N, C-alpha and C. Protein backbone atom coordinates (compact mmCIF):
# COMPACT_ATOMS: atom_id res chain seq x y z
N UNK A 1 59.39 28.77 29.70
CA UNK A 1 60.63 29.34 28.86
C UNK A 1 60.07 30.21 27.86
N UNK A 2 58.85 30.21 27.40
CA UNK A 2 58.32 31.22 26.47
C UNK A 2 58.19 32.46 27.31
N UNK A 3 57.76 32.38 28.45
CA UNK A 3 57.69 33.74 29.30
C UNK A 3 59.13 34.35 29.37
N UNK A 4 60.07 33.70 29.72
CA UNK A 4 61.39 34.22 29.77
C UNK A 4 61.95 34.86 28.41
N UNK A 5 61.65 34.09 27.41
CA UNK A 5 62.17 34.54 26.04
C UNK A 5 61.50 35.91 25.78
N UNK A 6 60.23 36.00 26.03
CA UNK A 6 59.46 37.28 25.78
C UNK A 6 59.50 38.20 26.86
N UNK A 7 60.53 38.11 27.90
CA UNK A 7 60.62 39.04 28.94
C UNK A 7 59.48 39.12 29.85
N UNK A 8 58.77 38.19 29.93
CA UNK A 8 57.65 38.12 30.92
C UNK A 8 58.20 37.72 32.40
N UNK A 9 57.76 38.41 33.34
CA UNK A 9 58.12 38.16 34.79
C UNK A 9 57.76 36.58 35.22
N UNK A 10 58.63 36.00 35.73
CA UNK A 10 58.49 34.51 36.17
C UNK A 10 58.54 34.50 37.69
N UNK A 11 57.72 33.80 38.30
CA UNK A 11 57.69 33.49 39.70
C UNK A 11 58.72 32.42 40.15
N UNK A 12 60.00 32.70 40.02
CA UNK A 12 61.13 31.74 40.16
C UNK A 12 61.03 31.03 41.56
N UNK A 13 60.66 31.83 42.57
CA UNK A 13 60.72 31.31 43.97
C UNK A 13 59.62 30.22 44.14
N UNK A 14 58.66 30.22 43.31
CA UNK A 14 57.66 29.21 43.30
C UNK A 14 57.90 28.03 42.63
N UNK A 15 58.90 27.98 41.87
CA UNK A 15 59.27 26.79 41.03
C UNK A 15 59.93 25.72 41.82
N UNK A 16 59.64 24.45 41.61
CA UNK A 16 60.21 23.29 42.34
C UNK A 16 61.53 22.98 41.54
N UNK A 17 62.35 22.25 42.37
CA UNK A 17 63.54 21.80 41.71
C UNK A 17 63.39 20.91 40.56
N UNK A 18 62.40 20.13 40.52
CA UNK A 18 62.09 19.14 39.44
C UNK A 18 61.78 20.09 38.29
N UNK A 19 61.00 21.16 38.39
CA UNK A 19 60.62 21.98 37.35
C UNK A 19 61.75 22.75 36.81
N UNK A 20 62.63 23.21 37.67
CA UNK A 20 63.79 23.93 37.21
C UNK A 20 64.67 23.02 36.48
N UNK A 21 64.82 21.85 36.94
CA UNK A 21 65.72 21.00 36.27
C UNK A 21 65.25 20.57 34.93
N UNK A 22 64.02 20.40 34.63
CA UNK A 22 63.33 20.13 33.45
C UNK A 22 63.52 21.35 32.49
N UNK A 23 63.38 22.57 33.04
CA UNK A 23 63.51 23.77 32.32
C UNK A 23 64.91 24.00 31.82
N UNK A 24 65.82 23.66 32.68
CA UNK A 24 67.23 23.64 32.39
C UNK A 24 67.49 22.77 31.11
N UNK A 25 67.01 21.61 31.14
CA UNK A 25 67.27 20.71 29.95
C UNK A 25 66.78 21.40 28.69
N UNK A 26 65.71 22.14 28.64
CA UNK A 26 65.19 22.92 27.53
C UNK A 26 66.00 24.01 27.16
N UNK A 27 66.47 24.67 28.17
CA UNK A 27 67.43 25.91 27.87
C UNK A 27 68.75 25.34 27.41
N UNK A 28 69.22 24.17 27.81
CA UNK A 28 70.45 23.58 27.32
C UNK A 28 70.18 23.12 25.84
N UNK A 29 69.14 22.46 25.60
CA UNK A 29 68.82 22.00 24.24
C UNK A 29 68.79 23.02 23.19
N UNK A 30 68.30 24.20 23.55
CA UNK A 30 68.03 25.29 22.70
C UNK A 30 69.18 26.41 22.96
N UNK A 31 70.09 26.09 23.72
CA UNK A 31 71.26 26.89 23.94
C UNK A 31 70.83 28.53 24.37
N UNK A 32 70.02 28.51 25.34
CA UNK A 32 69.53 29.74 25.87
C UNK A 32 70.40 30.05 27.19
N UNK A 33 71.52 30.59 26.89
CA UNK A 33 72.50 30.87 28.11
C UNK A 33 71.98 31.62 29.19
N UNK A 34 71.30 32.71 29.02
CA UNK A 34 70.66 33.52 30.03
C UNK A 34 69.70 32.76 30.81
N UNK A 35 68.95 32.00 30.29
CA UNK A 35 68.00 31.16 30.97
C UNK A 35 68.69 30.13 31.85
N UNK A 36 69.69 29.46 31.33
CA UNK A 36 70.48 28.53 32.03
C UNK A 36 71.03 29.14 33.32
N UNK A 37 71.51 30.31 33.17
CA UNK A 37 72.24 31.10 34.33
C UNK A 37 71.15 31.48 35.43
N UNK A 38 69.99 31.93 34.96
CA UNK A 38 68.93 32.21 35.90
C UNK A 38 68.46 31.04 36.58
N UNK A 39 68.32 29.95 35.95
CA UNK A 39 67.90 28.60 36.68
C UNK A 39 68.94 28.30 37.67
N UNK A 40 70.12 28.28 37.34
CA UNK A 40 71.21 28.00 38.35
C UNK A 40 71.18 28.87 39.55
N UNK A 41 70.96 30.23 39.29
CA UNK A 41 70.94 31.18 40.48
C UNK A 41 69.67 30.85 41.30
N UNK A 42 68.56 30.55 40.62
CA UNK A 42 67.34 30.21 41.35
C UNK A 42 67.52 29.00 42.29
N UNK A 43 68.13 27.88 41.67
CA UNK A 43 68.49 26.70 42.45
C UNK A 43 69.27 27.06 43.60
N UNK A 44 70.36 27.90 43.49
CA UNK A 44 71.20 28.04 44.48
C UNK A 44 70.59 28.92 45.74
N UNK A 45 69.54 29.60 45.34
CA UNK A 45 68.85 30.43 46.37
C UNK A 45 67.82 29.64 47.15
N UNK A 46 67.57 28.36 46.63
CA UNK A 46 66.70 27.52 47.40
C UNK A 46 67.07 27.08 48.80
N UNK A 47 66.23 27.07 49.73
CA UNK A 47 66.52 26.45 51.02
C UNK A 47 65.71 25.18 51.23
N UNK A 48 66.40 24.21 51.40
CA UNK A 48 65.64 22.89 51.45
C UNK A 48 65.81 22.39 52.90
N UNK A 49 65.02 21.44 53.46
CA UNK A 49 65.10 20.93 54.70
C UNK A 49 65.79 19.60 54.67
N UNK A 50 66.26 19.02 55.81
CA UNK A 50 67.08 17.83 55.86
C UNK A 50 66.25 16.66 55.35
N UNK A 51 65.08 16.55 55.47
CA UNK A 51 64.27 15.41 55.09
C UNK A 51 64.24 15.36 53.49
N UNK A 52 64.56 16.41 52.80
CA UNK A 52 64.60 16.42 51.37
C UNK A 52 66.00 16.28 50.70
N UNK A 53 67.00 16.24 51.65
CA UNK A 53 68.41 16.34 51.14
C UNK A 53 68.56 15.00 50.11
N UNK A 54 68.17 13.85 50.51
CA UNK A 54 68.49 12.68 49.67
C UNK A 54 67.68 12.72 48.34
N UNK A 55 66.59 13.28 48.37
CA UNK A 55 65.73 13.45 47.16
C UNK A 55 66.36 14.35 46.23
N UNK A 56 66.93 15.52 46.79
CA UNK A 56 67.53 16.49 45.89
C UNK A 56 68.93 15.94 45.37
N UNK A 57 69.72 15.09 46.19
CA UNK A 57 70.89 14.74 45.79
C UNK A 57 70.66 13.51 44.74
N UNK A 58 69.68 12.81 44.87
CA UNK A 58 69.28 11.84 43.83
C UNK A 58 68.92 12.50 42.45
N UNK A 59 68.27 13.68 42.53
CA UNK A 59 67.95 14.35 41.31
C UNK A 59 69.27 14.90 40.81
N UNK A 60 70.12 15.37 41.70
CA UNK A 60 71.49 15.83 41.22
C UNK A 60 72.21 14.71 40.36
N UNK A 61 72.16 13.55 41.08
CA UNK A 61 72.87 12.37 40.46
C UNK A 61 72.21 11.95 39.09
N UNK A 62 70.92 12.22 38.95
CA UNK A 62 70.25 11.83 37.65
C UNK A 62 70.52 12.90 36.63
N UNK A 63 70.95 13.95 37.08
CA UNK A 63 71.23 15.12 36.12
C UNK A 63 72.83 15.24 35.76
N UNK A 64 73.49 14.25 35.97
CA UNK A 64 75.01 14.35 35.84
C UNK A 64 75.40 14.69 34.34
N UNK A 65 74.56 14.38 33.40
CA UNK A 65 74.78 14.79 32.16
C UNK A 65 74.81 16.39 31.81
N UNK A 66 74.22 17.06 32.79
CA UNK A 66 74.43 18.47 32.81
C UNK A 66 75.11 18.97 34.01
N UNK A 67 76.54 18.94 33.96
CA UNK A 67 77.21 19.17 35.16
C UNK A 67 77.00 20.48 36.02
N UNK A 68 76.85 21.48 35.45
CA UNK A 68 76.41 22.67 36.22
C UNK A 68 75.17 22.62 36.92
N UNK A 69 74.19 21.99 36.41
CA UNK A 69 72.87 21.75 37.16
C UNK A 69 73.07 20.76 38.17
N UNK A 70 73.76 19.72 38.02
CA UNK A 70 74.11 18.69 38.92
C UNK A 70 74.85 19.26 40.15
N UNK A 71 75.81 20.05 39.91
CA UNK A 71 76.68 20.55 41.01
C UNK A 71 75.75 21.58 41.81
N UNK A 72 74.86 22.30 41.17
CA UNK A 72 74.19 23.30 41.90
C UNK A 72 73.11 22.58 42.84
N UNK A 73 72.54 21.50 42.53
CA UNK A 73 71.66 20.67 43.24
C UNK A 73 72.41 20.00 44.34
N UNK A 74 73.63 19.46 44.02
CA UNK A 74 74.37 18.86 45.20
C UNK A 74 74.93 19.95 46.20
N UNK A 75 75.16 21.13 45.69
CA UNK A 75 75.64 22.21 46.55
C UNK A 75 74.46 22.56 47.56
N UNK A 76 73.18 22.79 47.16
CA UNK A 76 72.26 23.11 48.12
C UNK A 76 71.99 21.96 49.07
N UNK A 77 72.15 20.77 48.62
CA UNK A 77 71.98 19.55 49.65
C UNK A 77 73.13 19.57 50.61
N UNK A 78 74.32 19.89 50.11
CA UNK A 78 75.41 19.82 51.12
C UNK A 78 75.35 20.86 52.14
N UNK A 79 74.88 22.11 51.60
CA UNK A 79 74.72 23.26 52.53
C UNK A 79 73.76 23.10 53.61
N UNK A 80 72.75 22.33 53.17
CA UNK A 80 71.62 22.08 54.21
C UNK A 80 72.12 21.15 55.26
N UNK A 81 72.89 20.06 54.92
CA UNK A 81 73.40 19.14 55.98
C UNK A 81 74.60 19.90 56.78
N UNK A 82 75.31 20.68 56.23
CA UNK A 82 76.37 21.25 56.92
C UNK A 82 75.74 22.20 57.89
N UNK A 83 74.68 22.92 57.58
CA UNK A 83 74.01 23.75 58.59
C UNK A 83 73.35 22.92 59.76
N UNK A 84 72.89 21.68 59.42
CA UNK A 84 72.29 20.86 60.37
C UNK A 84 73.36 20.21 61.29
N UNK A 85 74.44 19.68 60.58
CA UNK A 85 75.52 19.07 61.40
C UNK A 85 76.15 19.91 62.38
N UNK A 86 76.45 21.08 61.91
CA UNK A 86 77.26 22.04 62.88
C UNK A 86 78.49 21.46 63.43
N UNK A 87 79.21 20.55 62.71
CA UNK A 87 80.39 19.89 63.19
C UNK A 87 80.11 18.84 64.27
N UNK A 88 78.75 18.45 64.61
CA UNK A 88 78.52 17.45 65.49
C UNK A 88 78.45 16.15 64.87
N UNK A 89 79.29 15.22 65.41
CA UNK A 89 79.46 13.77 64.87
C UNK A 89 78.11 13.02 65.17
N UNK A 90 77.48 13.28 66.30
CA UNK A 90 76.13 12.66 66.47
C UNK A 90 75.11 12.92 65.53
N UNK A 91 75.17 14.14 65.09
CA UNK A 91 74.15 14.57 64.00
C UNK A 91 74.42 13.78 62.71
N UNK A 92 75.63 13.54 62.44
CA UNK A 92 75.94 12.74 61.25
C UNK A 92 75.43 11.32 61.38
N UNK A 93 75.61 10.81 62.48
CA UNK A 93 75.09 9.38 62.74
C UNK A 93 73.58 9.36 62.76
N UNK A 94 72.98 10.32 63.33
CA UNK A 94 71.56 10.41 63.28
C UNK A 94 71.07 10.45 61.79
N UNK A 95 71.77 11.17 61.03
CA UNK A 95 71.31 11.30 59.63
C UNK A 95 71.27 9.88 58.99
N UNK A 96 72.44 9.32 59.10
CA UNK A 96 72.62 7.95 58.42
C UNK A 96 71.67 6.97 59.07
N UNK A 97 71.33 6.95 60.33
CA UNK A 97 70.41 5.95 60.93
C UNK A 97 69.06 6.16 60.48
N UNK A 98 68.65 7.30 59.96
CA UNK A 98 67.23 7.51 59.62
C UNK A 98 67.04 7.38 57.99
N UNK A 99 68.06 6.85 57.33
CA UNK A 99 67.84 6.76 55.93
C UNK A 99 68.31 5.33 55.47
N UNK A 100 67.45 4.87 54.53
CA UNK A 100 67.68 3.46 54.04
C UNK A 100 69.06 3.39 53.37
N UNK A 101 69.78 2.25 53.45
CA UNK A 101 71.13 2.05 52.85
C UNK A 101 70.91 1.54 51.55
N UNK A 102 70.24 2.21 50.65
CA UNK A 102 70.21 1.71 49.20
C UNK A 102 71.43 2.08 48.42
N UNK A 103 71.40 1.46 47.15
CA UNK A 103 72.64 1.79 46.34
C UNK A 103 72.52 3.29 45.93
N UNK A 104 71.26 3.71 45.53
CA UNK A 104 71.14 5.18 45.14
C UNK A 104 71.51 6.11 46.24
N UNK A 105 70.92 5.75 47.45
CA UNK A 105 71.26 6.69 48.66
C UNK A 105 72.80 6.68 48.97
N UNK A 106 73.39 5.61 48.85
CA UNK A 106 74.81 5.56 49.13
C UNK A 106 75.66 6.41 48.26
N UNK A 107 75.28 6.32 46.96
CA UNK A 107 76.04 7.23 46.00
C UNK A 107 75.83 8.77 46.34
N UNK A 108 74.57 8.94 46.61
CA UNK A 108 74.13 10.37 46.83
C UNK A 108 74.88 10.91 48.10
N UNK A 109 74.83 10.11 49.25
CA UNK A 109 75.41 10.40 50.40
C UNK A 109 77.00 10.58 50.23
N UNK A 110 77.53 9.70 49.61
CA UNK A 110 79.03 9.75 49.30
C UNK A 110 79.31 11.06 48.61
N UNK A 111 78.60 11.37 47.64
CA UNK A 111 78.99 12.69 46.85
C UNK A 111 78.71 13.86 47.69
N UNK A 112 77.68 13.97 48.70
CA UNK A 112 77.47 14.96 49.52
C UNK A 112 78.64 15.16 50.52
N UNK A 113 79.04 14.02 51.07
CA UNK A 113 80.09 14.08 52.18
C UNK A 113 81.38 14.57 51.48
N UNK A 114 81.64 14.08 50.28
CA UNK A 114 82.90 14.35 49.56
C UNK A 114 82.93 15.95 49.28
N UNK A 115 81.66 16.69 49.35
CA UNK A 115 81.71 17.99 49.19
C UNK A 115 81.87 18.83 50.37
N UNK A 116 81.86 18.17 51.52
CA UNK A 116 81.81 18.84 52.83
C UNK A 116 83.06 19.62 53.02
N UNK A 117 84.12 19.21 52.55
CA UNK A 117 85.38 19.95 52.78
C UNK A 117 85.38 21.36 52.11
N UNK A 118 84.71 21.48 50.91
CA UNK A 118 84.69 22.76 50.33
C UNK A 118 83.40 23.62 50.69
N UNK A 119 82.55 23.08 51.58
CA UNK A 119 81.28 23.73 51.82
C UNK A 119 81.40 25.19 52.26
N UNK A 120 82.44 25.60 52.83
CA UNK A 120 82.62 26.96 53.25
C UNK A 120 82.68 27.89 52.03
N UNK A 121 83.11 27.34 50.92
CA UNK A 121 83.23 28.17 49.75
C UNK A 121 81.85 28.03 48.87
N UNK A 122 80.96 27.22 49.38
CA UNK A 122 79.66 27.07 48.60
C UNK A 122 78.76 28.22 49.06
N UNK A 123 78.73 29.34 48.40
CA UNK A 123 77.83 30.57 48.73
C UNK A 123 77.06 30.83 47.46
N UNK A 124 75.81 31.10 47.75
CA UNK A 124 74.90 31.54 46.73
C UNK A 124 75.45 32.89 46.11
N UNK A 125 75.51 33.03 44.84
CA UNK A 125 75.96 34.35 44.36
C UNK A 125 75.03 35.38 44.75
N UNK A 126 75.64 36.57 44.87
CA UNK A 126 74.85 37.80 45.20
C UNK A 126 73.84 38.08 44.11
N UNK A 127 72.68 38.48 44.40
CA UNK A 127 71.66 38.86 43.47
C UNK A 127 72.02 40.12 42.81
N UNK A 128 72.02 40.09 41.39
CA UNK A 128 72.48 41.31 40.69
C UNK A 128 71.61 42.51 40.93
N UNK A 129 70.47 42.27 41.56
CA UNK A 129 69.52 43.53 41.72
C UNK A 129 69.66 44.09 43.15
N UNK A 130 69.45 43.12 44.15
CA UNK A 130 69.49 43.73 45.55
C UNK A 130 70.90 43.51 46.15
N UNK A 131 71.79 42.95 45.31
CA UNK A 131 73.30 42.78 45.91
C UNK A 131 73.29 41.99 47.13
N UNK A 132 72.33 41.13 47.49
CA UNK A 132 72.45 40.20 48.67
C UNK A 132 72.41 38.79 48.40
N UNK A 133 72.78 38.02 49.42
CA UNK A 133 72.73 36.52 49.24
C UNK A 133 72.43 36.04 50.65
N UNK A 134 71.20 35.32 50.83
CA UNK A 134 70.24 35.08 49.73
C UNK A 134 69.54 36.36 49.24
N UNK A 135 68.91 36.15 48.06
CA UNK A 135 68.18 37.42 47.44
C UNK A 135 67.17 37.90 48.30
N UNK A 136 66.79 39.12 48.24
CA UNK A 136 65.68 39.69 48.95
C UNK A 136 64.45 39.89 48.17
N UNK A 137 64.22 39.09 47.11
CA UNK A 137 62.99 39.21 46.29
C UNK A 137 61.76 39.24 47.17
N UNK A 138 60.87 40.20 46.89
CA UNK A 138 59.56 40.26 47.51
C UNK A 138 59.63 40.61 49.00
N UNK A 139 60.85 40.98 49.46
CA UNK A 139 61.10 41.43 50.90
C UNK A 139 60.98 43.00 50.87
N UNK A 140 60.67 43.59 51.93
CA UNK A 140 60.42 45.00 52.18
C UNK A 140 61.78 45.70 52.15
N UNK A 141 61.71 46.91 51.48
CA UNK A 141 62.82 47.85 51.36
C UNK A 141 63.04 48.58 52.63
N UNK A 142 64.15 48.54 53.27
CA UNK A 142 64.45 49.41 54.45
C UNK A 142 65.68 50.23 54.29
N UNK A 143 65.93 51.09 55.27
CA UNK A 143 67.15 52.03 55.24
C UNK A 143 68.43 51.15 55.20
N UNK A 144 68.27 49.93 55.98
CA UNK A 144 69.46 49.14 56.11
C UNK A 144 69.86 48.29 54.83
N UNK A 145 68.78 47.99 54.13
CA UNK A 145 69.05 47.16 52.96
C UNK A 145 68.78 47.98 51.55
N UNK A 146 68.70 49.24 51.71
CA UNK A 146 68.56 50.11 50.46
C UNK A 146 69.63 50.01 49.52
N UNK A 147 69.42 49.65 48.20
CA UNK A 147 70.40 49.53 47.19
C UNK A 147 70.03 50.42 46.03
N UNK A 148 70.64 51.50 45.85
CA UNK A 148 70.41 52.42 44.75
C UNK A 148 70.37 51.62 43.43
N UNK A 149 69.53 51.98 42.52
CA UNK A 149 69.41 51.28 41.32
C UNK A 149 68.62 50.00 41.22
N UNK A 150 68.23 49.51 42.46
CA UNK A 150 67.67 48.22 42.42
C UNK A 150 66.16 48.27 41.94
N UNK A 151 65.73 47.30 41.35
CA UNK A 151 64.21 47.32 41.01
C UNK A 151 63.39 46.95 42.14
N UNK A 152 62.37 47.61 42.33
CA UNK A 152 61.35 47.49 43.37
C UNK A 152 59.86 47.54 42.75
N UNK A 153 59.00 47.04 43.61
CA UNK A 153 57.59 47.07 43.41
C UNK A 153 56.79 47.63 44.43
N UNK A 154 55.63 48.11 44.31
CA UNK A 154 54.89 48.65 45.42
C UNK A 154 53.90 47.69 46.08
N UNK A 155 53.59 47.99 47.22
CA UNK A 155 52.44 47.38 48.01
C UNK A 155 51.22 48.11 47.77
N UNK A 156 50.25 47.42 47.33
CA UNK A 156 48.91 47.96 46.92
C UNK A 156 48.26 48.89 48.08
N UNK A 157 47.93 50.07 47.58
CA UNK A 157 47.26 51.18 48.44
C UNK A 157 48.29 51.67 49.35
N UNK A 158 49.61 51.44 49.24
CA UNK A 158 50.54 52.13 50.16
C UNK A 158 51.70 52.73 49.28
N UNK A 159 52.34 52.19 48.47
CA UNK A 159 53.38 52.72 47.75
C UNK A 159 52.92 53.27 46.42
N UNK A 160 53.90 53.91 45.72
CA UNK A 160 53.60 54.47 44.35
C UNK A 160 53.44 53.40 43.35
N UNK A 161 52.40 53.44 42.60
CA UNK A 161 52.07 52.23 41.68
C UNK A 161 53.06 52.21 40.51
N UNK A 162 53.70 53.37 40.13
CA UNK A 162 54.54 53.43 39.02
C UNK A 162 56.06 53.33 39.48
N UNK A 163 56.42 52.98 40.60
CA UNK A 163 57.80 52.85 40.97
C UNK A 163 58.50 51.79 40.14
N UNK A 164 59.68 52.07 39.79
CA UNK A 164 60.53 51.21 39.12
C UNK A 164 61.85 50.81 39.77
N UNK A 165 62.62 51.86 40.18
CA UNK A 165 64.02 51.63 40.87
C UNK A 165 64.11 52.57 41.98
N UNK A 166 65.02 52.16 42.89
CA UNK A 166 65.46 52.94 43.95
C UNK A 166 66.47 53.91 43.47
N UNK A 167 66.56 55.16 44.01
CA UNK A 167 67.63 56.04 43.53
C UNK A 167 68.53 56.47 44.78
N UNK A 168 67.91 57.14 45.81
CA UNK A 168 68.64 57.49 46.90
C UNK A 168 67.87 57.89 48.13
N UNK A 169 68.40 57.62 49.20
CA UNK A 169 67.72 58.03 50.56
C UNK A 169 67.86 59.64 50.66
N UNK A 170 66.70 60.15 50.89
CA UNK A 170 66.78 61.65 50.94
C UNK A 170 67.59 62.40 51.97
N UNK A 171 67.45 61.90 53.22
CA UNK A 171 68.35 62.47 54.32
C UNK A 171 68.36 61.51 55.51
N UNK A 172 69.12 61.93 56.50
CA UNK A 172 69.33 60.96 57.65
C UNK A 172 68.25 60.86 58.55
N UNK A 173 67.21 61.82 58.60
CA UNK A 173 66.25 61.67 59.50
C UNK A 173 64.88 61.25 59.05
N UNK A 174 64.44 61.72 57.83
CA UNK A 174 63.17 61.27 57.34
C UNK A 174 63.15 60.01 56.78
N UNK A 175 62.06 59.23 56.78
CA UNK A 175 62.00 57.86 56.20
C UNK A 175 61.42 58.25 54.80
N UNK A 176 62.23 58.73 54.03
CA UNK A 176 61.81 59.04 52.55
C UNK A 176 62.98 58.74 51.60
N UNK A 177 62.68 58.54 50.33
CA UNK A 177 63.65 58.28 49.44
C UNK A 177 63.27 58.75 48.00
N UNK A 178 64.30 58.84 47.05
CA UNK A 178 63.90 59.28 45.69
C UNK A 178 64.00 58.00 44.93
N UNK A 179 62.95 57.89 44.07
CA UNK A 179 62.84 56.72 43.16
C UNK A 179 62.65 57.08 41.75
N UNK A 180 62.98 56.18 40.94
CA UNK A 180 62.85 56.39 39.41
C UNK A 180 61.41 55.67 39.07
N UNK A 181 60.57 56.22 38.41
CA UNK A 181 59.30 55.74 37.84
C UNK A 181 59.43 55.04 36.54
N UNK A 182 58.48 54.35 36.22
CA UNK A 182 58.37 53.46 35.01
C UNK A 182 58.61 54.28 33.67
N UNK A 183 58.28 55.67 33.75
CA UNK A 183 58.47 56.50 32.64
C UNK A 183 59.80 57.23 32.49
N UNK A 184 60.74 56.84 33.55
CA UNK A 184 62.02 57.42 33.67
C UNK A 184 62.06 58.65 34.46
N UNK A 185 61.12 59.18 34.91
CA UNK A 185 61.16 60.41 35.77
C UNK A 185 61.43 60.05 37.23
N UNK A 186 61.88 61.19 37.87
CA UNK A 186 62.18 60.90 39.24
C UNK A 186 61.00 61.30 40.19
N UNK A 187 60.89 60.69 41.38
CA UNK A 187 59.91 61.08 42.36
C UNK A 187 60.54 61.14 43.74
N UNK A 188 60.31 62.24 44.28
CA UNK A 188 60.87 62.50 45.72
C UNK A 188 59.80 62.13 46.75
N UNK A 189 60.24 62.05 48.10
CA UNK A 189 59.35 61.98 49.20
C UNK A 189 58.51 60.69 49.16
N UNK A 190 59.15 59.64 48.61
CA UNK A 190 58.45 58.22 48.66
C UNK A 190 58.82 57.77 50.08
N UNK A 191 57.86 56.99 50.71
CA UNK A 191 57.99 56.49 51.94
C UNK A 191 58.82 55.22 52.04
N UNK A 192 59.94 55.38 52.92
CA UNK A 192 60.80 54.28 53.05
C UNK A 192 60.46 53.38 54.16
N UNK A 193 59.56 52.57 53.89
CA UNK A 193 59.18 51.48 54.91
C UNK A 193 58.99 50.15 54.16
N UNK A 194 59.27 49.11 54.94
CA UNK A 194 59.03 47.72 54.21
C UNK A 194 57.61 47.43 53.93
N UNK A 195 56.72 48.08 54.42
CA UNK A 195 55.36 47.93 54.16
C UNK A 195 54.89 48.58 52.96
N UNK A 196 55.70 49.42 52.36
CA UNK A 196 55.37 50.16 51.20
C UNK A 196 55.90 49.57 49.90
N UNK A 197 57.21 49.19 49.95
CA UNK A 197 57.89 48.81 48.87
C UNK A 197 58.71 47.42 48.96
N UNK A 198 58.65 46.68 47.99
CA UNK A 198 59.36 45.34 48.03
C UNK A 198 60.42 45.13 46.83
N UNK A 199 61.53 44.52 47.20
CA UNK A 199 62.45 44.16 46.17
C UNK A 199 61.79 43.32 45.01
N UNK A 200 62.02 43.63 43.87
CA UNK A 200 61.58 42.91 42.62
C UNK A 200 62.69 42.44 41.77
N UNK A 201 63.30 41.36 42.36
CA UNK A 201 64.50 40.75 41.71
C UNK A 201 64.29 39.72 40.61
N UNK A 202 63.24 38.88 40.69
CA UNK A 202 63.14 37.88 39.62
C UNK A 202 62.19 38.17 38.52
């Protein structure tokens, strides 16, 4: 939280859901709205596996006193199962048969299933930097995903070490672009390859 307040870069993608949930509690306690929003966005970008669905849903149930946080956790759990089920009834039965029928699990599963009807509207918000969902943080910049104004970073020994933002692709043939450097100046003829520059969204 201190790093966020002092505008230091945080490795959001490496944060666990438990950590993000605890951090959200502090952000809520001290009414840091920007941090709360960033945490929710980071949670919605998480991809979980079916084996972790009940654990995430249980965490969501435990965080009901923070509705926005609880909803975000339930949303990623629901999206995970929706992707696994693919409308197959046998997949639903398989999921139930491999999980213990405890009271906690029953509540979690009920809440997930109740959200299935709205699952098509549960989409991670587009990243404000790369304009993609899911976010392209730390992924290579290409002609196809090029977003003018997006923050990027360089790959050591390949890209320009002072790059800050993308500006424009130079032409239709050369793999080159114009970028903005950290001092605000423009730099031409930068190599447009995913091995040279990465999106720097978080």
